[in-house]
Amino acid sequence: MRKQPLNRFTLTFESRSANESFARLAASGFAAQLDPTVEELCDIKTAVSEAVTNCIVHAYPDGLGEIRLIGEIFAGGLVRFRVKDKGRGIEDIALAMQPLYSGLGGERAGLGFAVMESFCDRVSVRSKPGRGTCVTLEKQIQGKLVGGDG
């Protein structure tokens, strides 16, 4: 049986570079109700920022598209963020997640997924070419849910 979240939000925005900072602030503001440490909050902001940046750069290379950020908080202090797009998708997820690999080449470092994995307890990726990608980020926060039952 799947656990029900104690709290949840969904935010939809265009794949504009300016919206990356908006998404990271929304995610950190939502996670703040768990009373995370500064380090935990920075980890969340960095991981969400990398996931959203991947959508902006890779999902819609020829124009704008829609990005959806979903945040959920579960009993025990687990916070989960899903970053979804309906862009071009990833042909080979295992290859894309390798450090230093970039599907675009050039000046891209190819460290997005490695960064997400280093700042989260769990990262998973689902993708279908031509249909989009969903990146799920999970982090265990040691604080208590402020004003809640956490």
Protein backbone atom coordinates (compact mmCIF):
# COMPACT_ATOMS: atom_id res chain seq x y z
CA MET A 1 0.00 0.00 0.00
CA ARG A 2 1.33 3.39 -1.00
CA LYS A 3 1.78 6.01 1.72
CA GLN A 4 -0.33 9.14 1.47
CA PRO A 5 1.52 12.45 1.74
CA LEU A 6 0.89 14.75 4.70
CA ASN A 7 1.13 17.73 2.37
CA ARG A 8 1.49 18.20 -1.38
CA PHE A 9 1.76 20.89 -4.04
CA THR A 10 1.89 21.07 -7.82
CA LEU A 11 3.47 23.96 -9.69
CA THR A 12 3.44 24.32 -13.48
CA PHE A 13 5.66 26.80 -15.30
CA GLU A 14 7.27 27.44 -18.69
CA SER A 15 10.73 26.12 -19.48
CA ARG A 16 12.36 29.56 -19.25
CA SER A 17 15.75 29.93 -17.57
CA ALA A 18 14.29 32.56 -15.23
CA ASN A 19 11.93 29.94 -13.78
CA GLU A 20 14.75 27.73 -12.48
CA SER A 21 15.30 30.02 -9.49
CA PHE A 22 11.52 30.22 -8.96
CA ALA A 23 11.31 26.40 -8.80
CA ARG A 24 14.19 26.08 -6.35
CA LEU A 25 12.65 28.71 -4.05
CA ALA A 26 9.24 27.00 -4.21
CA ALA A 27 10.83 23.63 -3.34
CA SER A 28 12.87 25.04 -0.45
CA GLY A 29 9.90 27.00 0.87
CA PHE A 30 7.77 23.86 0.85
CA ALA A 31 10.50 21.74 2.51
CA ALA A 32 10.98 24.42 5.18
CA GLN A 33 7.91 23.12 7.03
CA LEU A 34 10.06 20.11 8.02
CA ASP A 35 12.49 22.46 9.79
CA PRO A 36 15.52 21.24 7.82
CA THR A 37 19.08 22.25 8.53
CA VAL A 38 20.64 24.86 6.26
CA GLU A 39 22.64 22.07 4.62
CA GLU A 40 19.52 19.96 3.96
CA LEU A 41 17.76 22.97 2.48
CA CYS A 42 20.74 23.74 0.22
CA ASP A 43 20.80 20.10 -0.91
CA ILE A 44 17.13 20.28 -1.92
CA LYS A 45 17.56 23.59 -3.73
CA THR A 46 20.57 22.31 -5.65
CA ALA A 47 18.97 19.01 -6.68
CA VAL A 48 15.70 20.62 -7.80
CA SER A 49 17.65 23.29 -9.65
CA GLU A 50 19.61 20.63 -11.57
CA ALA A 51 16.45 18.68 -12.47
CA VAL A 52 14.65 21.81 -13.70
CA THR A 53 17.72 22.97 -15.63
CA ASN A 54 17.85 19.58 -17.37
CA CYS A 55 14.26 20.12 -18.53
CA ILE A 56 14.98 23.63 -19.75
CA VAL A 57 18.10 22.62 -21.67
CA HIS A 58 17.29 19.11 -22.89
CA ALA A 59 13.52 18.58 -23.00
CA TYR A 60 12.65 21.56 -25.16
CA PRO A 61 15.79 22.51 -27.11
CA ASP A 62 13.86 24.31 -29.87
CA GLY A 63 11.39 26.34 -27.82
CA LEU A 64 9.33 26.57 -24.70
CA GLY A 65 7.41 23.79 -23.03
CA GLU A 66 5.74 22.99 -19.74
CA ILE A 67 7.54 21.84 -16.61
CA ARG A 68 5.66 20.50 -13.61
CA LEU A 69 7.16 20.44 -10.10
CA ILE A 70 5.34 18.26 -7.58
CA GLY A 71 6.35 18.28 -3.93
CA GLU A 72 5.20 15.86 -1.25
CA ILE A 73 5.96 15.47 2.44
CA PHE A 74 5.48 12.12 4.17
CA ALA A 75 5.36 11.05 7.81
CA GLY A 76 8.83 10.55 9.22
CA GLY A 77 10.35 13.54 7.39
CA LEU A 78 10.62 12.24 3.83
CA VAL A 79 10.32 14.95 1.18
CA ARG A 80 9.84 13.98 -2.47
CA PHE A 81 10.00 16.21 -5.52
CA ARG A 82 9.08 15.15 -9.03
CA VAL A 83 10.14 17.26 -11.99
CA LYS A 84 8.19 16.37 -15.12
CA ASP A 85 8.25 17.53 -18.70
CA LYS A 86 6.54 16.50 -21.94
CA GLY A 87 9.63 17.10 -24.03
CA ARG A 88 11.77 14.94 -26.25
CA GLY A 89 12.60 12.33 -23.59
CA ILE A 90 15.80 10.38 -22.98
CA GLU A 91 16.83 7.57 -25.32
CA ASP A 92 19.25 5.86 -22.91
CA ILE A 93 18.68 6.73 -19.25
CA ALA A 94 21.67 4.72 -17.98
CA LEU A 95 23.99 6.58 -20.36
CA ALA A 96 22.44 9.96 -19.57
CA MET A 97 23.04 9.39 -15.86
CA GLN A 98 26.75 8.71 -16.33
CA PRO A 99 28.95 11.53 -14.98
CA LEU A 100 30.44 13.72 -17.71
CA TYR A 101 27.95 12.54 -20.35
CA SER A 102 26.03 15.29 -22.10
CA GLY A 103 23.65 14.70 -24.97
CA LEU A 104 24.40 18.21 -26.19
CA GLY A 105 28.19 18.13 -25.98
CA GLY A 106 29.95 21.48 -26.17
CA GLU A 107 30.46 23.30 -22.89
CA ARG A 108 27.97 21.19 -20.91
CA ALA A 109 29.67 19.37 -18.02
CA GLY A 110 27.24 16.45 -17.96
CA LEU A 111 27.08 16.39 -14.17
CA GLY A 112 23.36 17.10 -13.59
CA PHE A 113 22.31 13.61 -12.51
CA ALA A 114 25.54 13.09 -10.53
CA VAL A 115 24.84 16.30 -8.62
CA MET A 116 21.25 15.25 -7.94
CA GLU A 117 22.43 11.86 -6.66
CA SER A 118 25.03 13.43 -4.38
CA PHE A 119 22.46 15.72 -2.70
CA CYS A 120 19.52 13.29 -2.44
CA ASP A 121 18.95 9.94 -0.78
CA ARG A 122 17.26 8.56 -3.88
CA VAL A 123 17.00 9.67 -7.52
CA SER A 124 14.99 7.84 -10.14
CA VAL A 125 14.29 8.67 -13.77
CA ARG A 126 11.50 7.54 -16.07
CA SER A 127 11.44 8.66 -19.67
CA LYS A 128 9.95 7.85 -23.05
CA PRO A 129 11.47 9.30 -26.20
CA GLY A 130 9.09 11.85 -27.68
CA ARG A 131 6.84 11.81 -24.59
CA GLY A 132 8.85 13.32 -21.76
CA THR A 133 10.74 12.62 -18.56
CA CYS A 134 10.02 12.44 -14.84
CA VAL A 135 12.86 12.81 -12.34
CA THR A 136 12.01 11.87 -8.75
CA LEU A 137 14.18 13.23 -5.93
CA GLU A 138 13.83 12.02 -2.33
CA LYS A 139 15.51 13.35 0.77
CA GLN A 140 15.09 12.35 4.40
CA ILE A 141 14.88 15.41 6.65
CA GLN A 142 15.75 14.99 10.31
CA GLY A 143 13.55 17.86 11.60
CA LYS A 144 9.91 17.74 12.63
CA LEU A 145 6.96 18.90 10.59
CA VAL A 146 6.29 22.45 11.78
CA GLY A 147 2.65 22.74 12.78
CA GLY A 148 1.94 19.14 11.79
CA ASP A 149 2.14 15.51 12.76
CA GLY A 150 5.63 14.75 11.35
